[in-house]
C-alpha atoms as a PDB file:
ATOM      1  CA  MET A   1       3.527  54.202 -24.395  1.00  0.00           C
ATOM      2  CA  ARG A   2       5.673  53.369 -21.384  1.00  0.00           C
ATOM      3  CA  HIS A   3       2.699  51.682 -19.673  1.00  0.00           C
ATOM      4  CA  TRP A   4       1.984  49.776 -22.887  1.00  0.00           C
ATOM      5  CA  ASN A   5       5.565  48.458 -23.052  1.00  0.00           C
ATOM      6  CA  ARG A   6       5.431  47.514 -19.380  1.00  0.00           C
ATOM      7  CA  GLY A   7       2.172  45.639 -20.013  1.00  0.00           C
ATOM      8  CA  LYS A   8       3.689  43.761 -22.936  1.00  0.00           C
ATOM      9  CA  LYS A   9       6.679  42.754 -20.785  1.00  0.00           C
ATOM     10  CA  THR A  10       4.342  41.494 -18.065  1.00  0.00           C
ATOM     11  CA  VAL A  11       2.387  39.402 -20.567  1.00  0.00           C
ATOM     12  CA  ARG A  12       5.621  38.120 -22.105  1.00  0.00           C
ATOM     13  CA  ASN A  13       7.038  37.126 -18.724  1.00  0.00           C
ATOM     14  CA  PHE A  14       3.790  35.415 -17.802  1.00  0.00           C
ATOM     15  CA  LEU A  15       3.803  33.429 -21.041  1.00  0.00           C
ATOM     16  CA  LEU A  16       7.449  32.474 -20.519  1.00  0.00           C
ATOM     17  CA  ALA A  17       6.619  31.272 -17.004  1.00  0.00           C
ATOM     18  CA  LEU A  18       3.758  29.185 -18.366  1.00  0.00           C
ATOM     19  CA  LEU A  19       6.057  27.729 -21.012  1.00  0.00           C
ATOM     20  CA  LEU A  20       8.639  26.843 -18.357  1.00  0.00           C
ATOM     21  CA  VAL A  21       6.007  25.109 -16.220  1.00  0.00           C
ATOM     22  CA  PHE A  22       4.758  23.193 -19.258  1.00  0.00           C
ATOM     23  CA  LEU A  23       8.290  22.085 -20.180  1.00  0.00           C
ATOM     24  CA  ILE A  24       8.941  20.871 -16.636  1.00  0.00           C
ATOM     25  CA  TYR A  25       5.573  19.099 -16.601  1.00  0.00           C
ATOM     26  CA  ALA A  26       6.323  17.476 -19.967  1.00  0.00           C
ATOM     27  CA  SER A  27       9.827  16.445 -18.859  1.00  0.00           C
ATOM     28  CA  GLN A  28       8.225  14.447 -16.038  1.00  0.00           C
ATOM     29  CA  GLY A  29       6.006  12.537 -18.444  1.00  0.00           C
ATOM     30  CA  PHE A  30       2.775  14.530 -17.950  1.00  0.00           C
ATOM     31  CA  PRO A  31       1.962  13.148 -14.465  1.00  0.00           C
ATOM     32  CA  PRO A  32      -1.778  12.936 -13.727  1.00  0.00           C
ATOM     33  CA  TYR A  33      -3.703  15.202 -11.366  1.00  0.00           C
ATOM     34  CA  THR A  34      -6.901  13.185 -10.991  1.00  0.00           C
ATOM     35  CA  VAL A  35      -7.770   9.636  -9.926  1.00  0.00           C
ATOM     36  CA  LYS A  36      -9.046   9.039 -13.450  1.00  0.00           C
ATOM     37  CA  GLY A  37      -5.655  10.087 -14.789  1.00  0.00           C
ATOM     38  CA  MET A  38      -3.871   7.799 -12.310  1.00  0.00           C
ATOM     39  CA  CYS A  39      -6.010   4.854 -13.421  1.00  0.00           C
ATOM     40  CA  ARG A  40      -5.338   5.720 -17.063  1.00  0.00           C
ATOM     41  CA  GLN A  41      -1.574   5.734 -16.453  1.00  0.00           C
ATOM     42  CA  VAL A  42      -1.623   2.393 -14.596  1.00  0.00           C
ATOM     43  CA  ARG A  43      -3.811   0.923 -17.335  1.00  0.00           C
ATOM     44  CA  HIS A  44      -1.350   2.098 -19.981  1.00  0.00           C
ATOM     45  CA  ASP A  45       1.761   0.917 -18.098  1.00  0.00           C
ATOM     46  CA  TYR A  46       0.376  -2.571 -17.432  1.00  0.00           C
ATOM     47  CA  LEU A  47      -1.603  -3.051 -20.664  1.00  0.00           C
ATOM     48  CA  LEU A  48      -4.964  -3.316 -18.917  1.00  0.00           C
ATOM     49  CA  GLY A  49      -8.468  -2.469 -20.017  1.00  0.00           C
ATOM     50  CA  GLU A  50     -10.526   0.329 -18.521  1.00  0.00           C
ATOM     51  CA  LEU A  51      -9.906   0.612 -14.758  1.00  0.00           C
ATOM     52  CA  GLU A  52     -12.888   1.311 -12.498  1.00  0.00           C
ATOM     53  CA  PRO A  53     -11.954   3.055  -9.212  1.00  0.00           C
ATOM     54  CA  LEU A  54     -13.513   1.276  -6.243  1.00  0.00           C
ATOM     55  CA  TYR A  55     -12.090   3.263  -3.347  1.00  0.00           C
ATOM     56  CA  VAL A  56      -9.911   6.372  -2.972  1.00  0.00           C
ATOM     57  CA  GLN A  57      -8.099   7.355   0.220  1.00  0.00           C
ATOM     58  CA  ARG A  58      -6.048  10.535   0.639  1.00  0.00           C
ATOM     59  CA  ASP A  59      -3.581  10.838   3.506  1.00  0.00           C
ATOM     60  CA  TRP A  60      -1.226  13.529   4.731  1.00  0.00           C
ATOM     61  CA  ARG A  61       2.247  12.536   5.879  1.00  0.00           C
ATOM     62  CA  HIS A  62       4.513  14.693   8.029  1.00  0.00           C
ATOM     63  CA  PRO A  63       8.071  13.444   7.311  1.00  0.00           C
ATOM     64  CA  SER A  64       9.748  16.566   8.704  1.00  0.00           C
ATOM     65  CA  ALA A  65       8.928  19.677  10.727  1.00  0.00           C
ATOM     66  CA  ASN A  66       8.766  21.871   7.623  1.00  0.00           C
ATOM     67  CA  ARG A  67       7.131  19.586   5.106  1.00  0.00           C
ATOM     68  CA  TYR A  68       3.862  17.760   4.517  1.00  0.00           C
ATOM     69  CA  GLU A  69       3.265  15.178   1.792  1.00  0.00           C
ATOM     70  CA  ARG A  70      -0.089  14.000   0.460  1.00  0.00           C
ATOM     71  CA  TYR A  71      -0.644  10.506  -0.891  1.00  0.00           C
ATOM     72  CA  THR A  72      -3.553   9.050  -2.832  1.00  0.00           C
ATOM     73  CA  THR A  73      -4.253   5.327  -2.480  1.00  0.00           C
ATOM     74  CA  VAL A  74      -6.595   3.773  -5.034  1.00  0.00           C
ATOM     75  CA  ALA A  75      -8.287   0.373  -5.242  1.00  0.00           C
ATOM     76  CA  ALA A  76      -9.588  -0.369  -8.731  1.00  0.00           C
ATOM     77  CA  ARG A  77     -10.691  -3.216 -10.975  1.00  0.00           C
ATOM     78  CA  CYS A  78     -10.582  -4.226 -14.614  1.00  0.00           C
ATOM     79  CA  GLY A  79     -12.937  -7.140 -15.138  1.00  0.00           C
ATOM     80  CA  GLU A  80     -11.765  -9.849 -12.732  1.00  0.00           C
ATOM     81  CA  THR A  81      -8.398  -8.154 -12.148  1.00  0.00           C
ATOM     82  CA  TYR A  82      -8.128  -6.053  -8.983  1.00  0.00           C
ATOM     83  CA  THR A  83      -5.311  -3.652  -8.153  1.00  0.00           C
ATOM     84  CA  ILE A  84      -4.225  -1.349  -5.329  1.00  0.00           C
ATOM     85  CA  PHE A  85      -1.685   1.427  -5.928  1.00  0.00           C
ATOM     86  CA  ARG A  86      -0.498   4.709  -4.429  1.00  0.00           C
ATOM     87  CA  TYR A  87       0.554   8.077  -5.828  1.00  0.00           C
ATOM     88  CA  ALA A  88       2.489  10.901  -4.189  1.00  0.00           C
ATOM     89  CA  ASP A  89       0.698  14.177  -4.955  1.00  0.00           C
ATOM     90  CA  GLY A  90       2.553  17.353  -5.942  1.00  0.00           C
ATOM     91  CA  LEU A  91       2.095  20.754  -7.545  1.00  0.00           C
ATOM     92  CA  LEU A  92       3.010  19.367 -10.958  1.00  0.00           C
ATOM     93  CA  GLY A  93       0.822  16.285 -10.851  1.00  0.00           C
ATOM     94  CA  SER A  94       1.010  12.990  -8.975  1.00  0.00           C
ATOM     95  CA  HIS A  95       3.789  10.439  -9.270  1.00  0.00           C
ATOM     96  CA  ARG A  96       3.742   6.702  -8.723  1.00  0.00           C
ATOM     97  CA  ASP A  97       5.189   6.027  -5.293  1.00  0.00           C
ATOM     98  CA  TRP A  98       7.532   3.181  -6.236  1.00  0.00           C
ATOM     99  CA  SER A  99       9.463   3.400  -2.968  1.00  0.00           C
ATOM    100  CA  ASP A 100       6.407   2.914  -0.812  1.00  0.00           C
ATOM    101  CA  LEU A 101       3.592   1.035  -2.494  1.00  0.00           C
ATOM    102  CA  SER A 102       4.070  -0.284  -6.010  1.00  0.00           C
ATOM    103  CA  PRO A 103       0.901  -1.496  -7.752  1.00  0.00           C
ATOM    104  CA  VAL A 104      -0.227  -4.965  -6.670  1.00  0.00           C
ATOM    105  CA  PHE A 105      -2.551  -7.057  -8.824  1.00  0.00           C
ATOM    106  CA  GLY A 106      -4.711 -10.106  -8.247  1.00  0.00           C
ATOM    107  CA  GLU A 107      -7.114 -12.200 -10.283  1.00  0.00           C
ATOM    108  CA  GLY A 108     -10.401 -12.457  -8.408  1.00  0.00           C
ATOM    109  CA  ALA A 109      -9.173 -10.397  -5.435  1.00  0.00           C
ATOM    110  CA  VAL A 110      -6.063  -8.659  -4.104  1.00  0.00           C
ATOM    111  CA  CYS A 111      -4.716  -7.449  -0.773  1.00  0.00           C
ATOM    112  CA  VAL A 112      -1.767  -5.414   0.484  1.00  0.00           C
ATOM    113  CA  ALA A 113      -0.384  -4.592   3.936  1.00  0.00           C
ATOM    114  CA  ARG A 114       0.628  -1.034   4.766  1.00  0.00           C
ATOM    115  CA  GLY A 115       1.007   1.008   7.929  1.00  0.00           C
ATOM    116  CA  GLY A 116      -0.911  -1.222  10.332  1.00  0.00           C
ATOM    117  CA  LYS A 117      -3.701  -2.175   7.920  1.00  0.00           C
ATOM    118  CA  ILE A 118      -4.371  -4.808   5.285  1.00  0.00           C
ATOM    119  CA  TYR A 119      -6.450  -3.497   2.378  1.00  0.00           C
ATOM    120  CA  ALA A 120      -8.367  -6.077   0.346  1.00  0.00           C
ATOM    121  CA  ALA A 121     -10.363  -5.529  -2.851  1.00  0.00           C
ATOM    122  CA  GLY A 122     -12.552  -8.083  -4.573  1.00  0.00           C
ATOM    123  CA  PRO A 123     -16.175  -9.108  -5.263  1.00  0.00           C
ATOM    124  CA  PHE A 124     -17.206  -8.374  -1.681  1.00  0.00           C
ATOM    125  CA  ALA A 125     -20.462  -6.467  -2.241  1.00  0.00           C
ATOM    126  CA  GLU A 126     -22.704  -9.284  -0.958  1.00  0.00           C
ATOM    127  CA  ALA A 127     -20.739  -9.832   2.243  1.00  0.00           C
ATOM    128  CA  ALA A 128     -21.880  -8.397   5.572  1.00  0.00           C
ATOM    129  CA  THR A 129     -18.543  -8.982   7.307  1.00  0.00           C
ATOM    130  CA  ALA A 130     -15.086 -10.312   6.491  1.00  0.00           C
ATOM    131  CA  VAL A 131     -12.203 -11.872   8.408  1.00  0.00           C
ATOM    132  CA  ALA A 132      -8.548 -12.134   7.358  1.00  0.00           C
ATOM    133  CA  VAL A 133      -6.125 -14.717   8.747  1.00  0.00           C
ATOM    134  CA  VAL A 134      -2.411 -14.026   8.267  1.00  0.00           C
ATOM    135  CA  ARG A 135      -0.046 -16.969   8.762  1.00  0.00           C
ATOM    136  CA  ALA A 136       3.624 -16.476   9.635  1.00  0.00           C
ATOM    137  CA  GLU A 137       6.074 -19.384   9.700  1.00  0.00           C
ATOM    138  CA  LYS A 138       9.350 -19.386  11.579  1.00  0.00           C
ATOM    139  CA  PRO A 139      12.314 -20.772   9.618  1.00  0.00           C
ATOM    140  CA  PRO A 140      12.684 -24.515  10.321  1.00  0.00           C
ATOM    141  CA  ALA A 141      14.601 -25.481  13.448  1.00  0.00           C
ATOM    142  CA  PRO A 142      17.626 -27.818  13.168  1.00  0.00           C
ATOM    143  CA  ASN A 143      15.353 -30.729  14.058  1.00  0.00           C
ATOM    144  CA  GLY A 144      13.054 -29.819  11.160  1.00  0.00           C
ATOM    145  CA  ASN A 145      10.182 -28.537  13.279  1.00  0.00           C
ATOM    146  CA  VAL A 146       8.358 -25.491  11.922  1.00  0.00           C
ATOM    147  CA  GLU A 147       6.649 -23.058  14.280  1.00  0.00           C
ATOM    148  CA  CYS A 148       3.812 -20.920  12.966  1.00  0.00           C
ATOM    149  CA  ARG A 149       1.482 -18.197  14.227  1.00  0.00           C
ATOM    150  CA  GLU A 150      -1.889 -17.184  12.851  1.00  0.00           C
ATOM    151  CA  PHE A 151      -3.381 -13.745  13.357  1.00  0.00           C
ATOM    152  CA  THR A 152      -7.144 -13.300  12.915  1.00  0.00           C
ATOM    153  CA  LEU A 153      -8.176  -9.784  11.886  1.00  0.00           C
ATOM    154  CA  GLU A 154     -11.710  -8.393  11.793  1.00  0.00           C
ATOM    155  CA  GLY A 155     -12.605  -6.464   8.653  1.00  0.00           C
ATOM    156  CA  GLU A 156     -14.105  -2.995   8.294  1.00  0.00           C
ATOM    157  CA  ARG A 157     -15.904  -2.095   5.086  1.00  0.00           C
ATOM    158  CA  LEU A 158     -14.483   0.861   3.158  1.00  0.00           C
ATOM    159  CA  ALA A 159     -16.545   0.439  -0.022  1.00  0.00           C
ATOM    160  CA  ASP A 160     -18.791  -2.145  -1.675  1.00  0.00           C
ATOM    161  CA  GLN A 161     -15.790  -4.135  -2.870  1.00  0.00           C
ATOM    162  CA  VAL A 162     -13.117  -3.051  -0.389  1.00  0.00           C
ATOM    163  CA  PHE A 163     -12.414  -4.115   3.217  1.00  0.00           C
ATOM    164  CA  VAL A 164      -9.636  -3.052   5.568  1.00  0.00           C
ATOM    165  CA  PHE A 165      -8.211  -5.263   8.347  1.00  0.00           C
ATOM    166  CA  PRO A 166      -6.322  -3.297  11.024  1.00  0.00           C
ATOM    167  CA  TYR A 167      -3.590  -5.069  12.989  1.00  0.00           C
ATOM    168  CA  GLU A 168      -1.801  -3.985  16.133  1.00  0.00           C
ATOM    169  CA  THR A 169       1.544  -2.234  15.600  1.00  0.00           C
ATOM    170  CA  ASP A 170       2.394  -0.963  19.087  1.00  0.00           C
ATOM    171  CA  TYR A 171       5.202  -3.195  20.275  1.00  0.00           C
ATOM    172  CA  SER A 172       7.389  -0.602  21.994  1.00  0.00           C
ATOM    173  CA  SER A 173       7.995  -3.092  24.817  1.00  0.00           C
ATOM    174  CA  PHE A 174       9.316  -5.676  22.347  1.00  0.00           C
ATOM    175  CA  GLU A 175      12.642  -6.972  23.733  1.00  0.00           C
ATOM    176  CA  GLY A 176      13.367 -10.014  21.577  1.00  0.00           C
ATOM    177  CA  GLU A 177      13.984 -13.113  23.665  1.00  0.00           C
ATOM    178  CA  HIS A 178      12.833 -11.330  26.862  1.00  0.00           C
ATOM    179  CA  MET A 179       9.243 -11.434  25.635  1.00  0.00           C
ATOM    180  CA  GLY A 180       7.211 -14.568  24.987  1.00  0.00           C
ATOM    181  CA  GLU A 181       6.654 -15.125  21.271  1.00  0.00           C
ATOM    182  CA  GLU A 182       3.022 -16.010  21.941  1.00  0.00           C
ATOM    183  CA  ASP A 183       2.504 -12.413  23.119  1.00  0.00           C
ATOM    184  CA  LEU A 184       4.016 -10.721  20.071  1.00  0.00           C
ATOM    185  CA  VAL A 185       1.860  -8.731  17.654  1.00  0.00           C
ATOM    186  CA  LEU A 186       2.114  -9.414  13.923  1.00  0.00           C
ATOM    187  CA  PRO A 187       4.859  -6.851  13.035  1.00  0.00           C
ATOM    188  CA  ALA A 188       6.944  -7.992  16.020  1.00  0.00           C
ATOM    189  CA  VAL A 189       6.755 -11.621  14.865  1.00  0.00           C
ATOM    190  CA  VAL A 190       7.925 -10.500  11.423  1.00  0.00           C
ATOM    191  CA  GLU A 191      10.750  -8.497  13.011  1.00  0.00           C
ATOM    192  CA  MET A 192      11.892 -11.517  15.029  1.00  0.00           C
ATOM    193  CA  TRP A 193      11.385 -14.367  12.569  1.00  0.00           C
ATOM    194  CA  TYR A 194      12.532 -12.758   9.318  1.00  0.00           C
ATOM    195  CA  ARG A 195      15.548 -10.823  10.592  1.00  0.00           C
ATOM    196  CA  LYS A 196      18.818 -12.246   9.264  1.00  0.00           C
ATOM    197  CA  PRO A 197      22.476 -11.386   9.934  1.00  0.00           C
ATOM    198  CA  ALA A 198      23.856  -9.318   7.072  1.00  0.00           C
ATOM    199  CA  PRO A 199      26.431 -11.382   5.137  1.00  0.00           C
ATOM    200  CA  ASN A 200      30.031 -10.199   5.242  1.00  0.00           C
ATOM    201  CA  ALA A 201      29.135  -7.489   7.741  1.00  0.00           C
ATOM    202  CA  ASP A 202      30.039  -6.655  11.328  1.00  0.00           C
ATOM    203  CA  PRO A 203      28.159  -8.521  14.071  1.00  0.00           C
ATOM    204  CA  GLY A 204      24.895  -6.847  14.966  1.00  0.00           C
ATOM    205  CA  LEU A 205      24.032  -5.771  11.426  1.00  0.00           C
ATOM    206  CA  TYR A 206      20.865  -7.330  10.059  1.00  0.00           C
ATOM    207  CA  TYR A 207      18.548  -7.291   7.083  1.00  0.00           C
ATOM    208  CA  PHE A 208      14.918  -8.409   6.754  1.00  0.00           C
ATOM    209  CA  GLU A 209      13.719 -10.995   4.286  1.00  0.00           C
ATOM    210  CA  ASN A 210      10.837  -9.762   2.168  1.00  0.00           C
ATOM    211  CA  LYS A 211       8.591 -12.801   1.905  1.00  0.00           C
ATOM    212  CA  ASP A 212       4.980 -13.439   0.970  1.00  0.00           C
ATOM    213  CA  LEU A 213       2.799 -14.555   3.867  1.00  0.00           C
ATOM    214  CA  PRO A 214      -0.512 -16.356   3.283  1.00  0.00           C
ATOM    215  CA  CYS A 215      -3.510 -14.128   3.965  1.00  0.00           C
ATOM    216  CA  THR A 216      -6.887 -15.866   3.789  1.00  0.00           C
ATOM    217  CA  VAL A 217      -9.921 -13.580   3.481  1.00  0.00           C
ATOM    218  CA  THR A 218     -13.297 -15.146   4.284  1.00  0.00           C
ATOM    219  CA  LEU A 219     -16.610 -13.404   3.608  1.00  0.00           C
ATOM    220  CA  TYR A 220     -19.661 -13.885   5.824  1.00  0.00           C
ATOM    221  CA  SER A 221     -23.371 -13.173   5.419  1.00  0.00           C
ATOM    222  CA  GLU A 222     -25.507 -11.282   7.937  1.00  0.00           C
ATOM    223  CA  THR A 223     -26.391 -14.614   9.560  1.00  0.00           C
ATOM    224  CA  GLY A 224     -22.720 -15.563   9.959  1.00  0.00           C
ATOM    225  CA  GLU A 225     -22.686 -18.072   7.109  1.00  0.00           C
ATOM    226  CA  ALA A 226     -19.353 -18.334   5.271  1.00  0.00           C
ATOM    227  CA  LEU A 227     -19.864 -17.178   1.686  1.00  0.00           C
ATOM    228  CA  GLU A 228     -16.468 -17.418   0.002  1.00  0.00           C
ATOM    229  CA  THR A 229     -12.774 -17.641   0.831  1.00  0.00           C
ATOM    230  CA  PHE A 230      -9.896 -16.012  -1.042  1.00  0.00           C
ATOM    231  CA  ASP A 231      -6.313 -17.264  -0.681  1.00  0.00           C
ATOM    232  CA  LEU A 232      -4.174 -14.130  -0.965  1.00  0.00           C
ATOM    233  CA  THR A 233      -0.753 -12.968   0.264  1.00  0.00           C
ATOM    234  CA  VAL A 234       0.825  -9.966   1.979  1.00  0.00           C
ATOM    235  CA  THR A 235       4.520  -9.126   2.218  1.00  0.00           C
ATOM    236  CA  THR A 236       6.653  -8.935   5.340  1.00  0.00           C
ATOM    237  CA  GLU A 237       7.927  -5.576   4.083  1.00  0.00           C
ATOM    238  CA  GLY A 238       4.388  -4.235   3.964  1.00  0.00           C
ATOM    239  CA  ILE A 239       3.596  -5.536   7.455  1.00  0.00           C
ATOM    240  CA  ARG A 240       6.711  -3.853   8.862  1.00  0.00           C
ATOM    241  CA  SER A 241       5.976  -0.505   7.189  1.00  0.00           C
ATOM    242  CA  TRP A 242       4.886   2.458   9.280  1.00  0.00           C
ATOM    243  CA  TRP A 243       3.181   4.298   6.426  1.00  0.00           C
END
């Protein structure tokens, strides 16, 4: 009888633990565990039709010595609408990573900059190669002249309808005016040109403007013939990000 009572207590405690986990899971809005669930949640939140995943990338991040975080980045499409979004994975499902990469959408194609790469999704299946050109413009000088820089990035295919365009991020030797602007990599140009003094703050405090920069993606055939060009944008915040 004593063993029977002990067994009943074990079962009861197990059921109570399951109930607690379910209540916590429900309190967080039933976060998804699978890519299909992530697409379903994005579709519901943005009133889209069925989302077709085109590419899934899972990365591990090491923000501290005692902790690892896993992120899932998804490129998907609904008809002519393309989207790229990221979720932070956890024991109780995955959560939209609003602080890092909110969903971006584009009609016909879409691209986003993150951690040294520009991801682009669109009707790219027929292309053999792709090239992205990012254009940064320096705020106008007092005389009205506008200086600009263009960065040409070679694409690498990730999936039939997804390319990635890596850009250089190592500018440890960047020393502002001590380095020629023509030698700066893309993130360094963004750091220099879009850094503004913080209003009503002590000298030396700055903030960075988050602006859209033109990003033109051109598709090419195996013979090098230009097939199609897409006029897209990336943000300065995304270019400056390290993850």
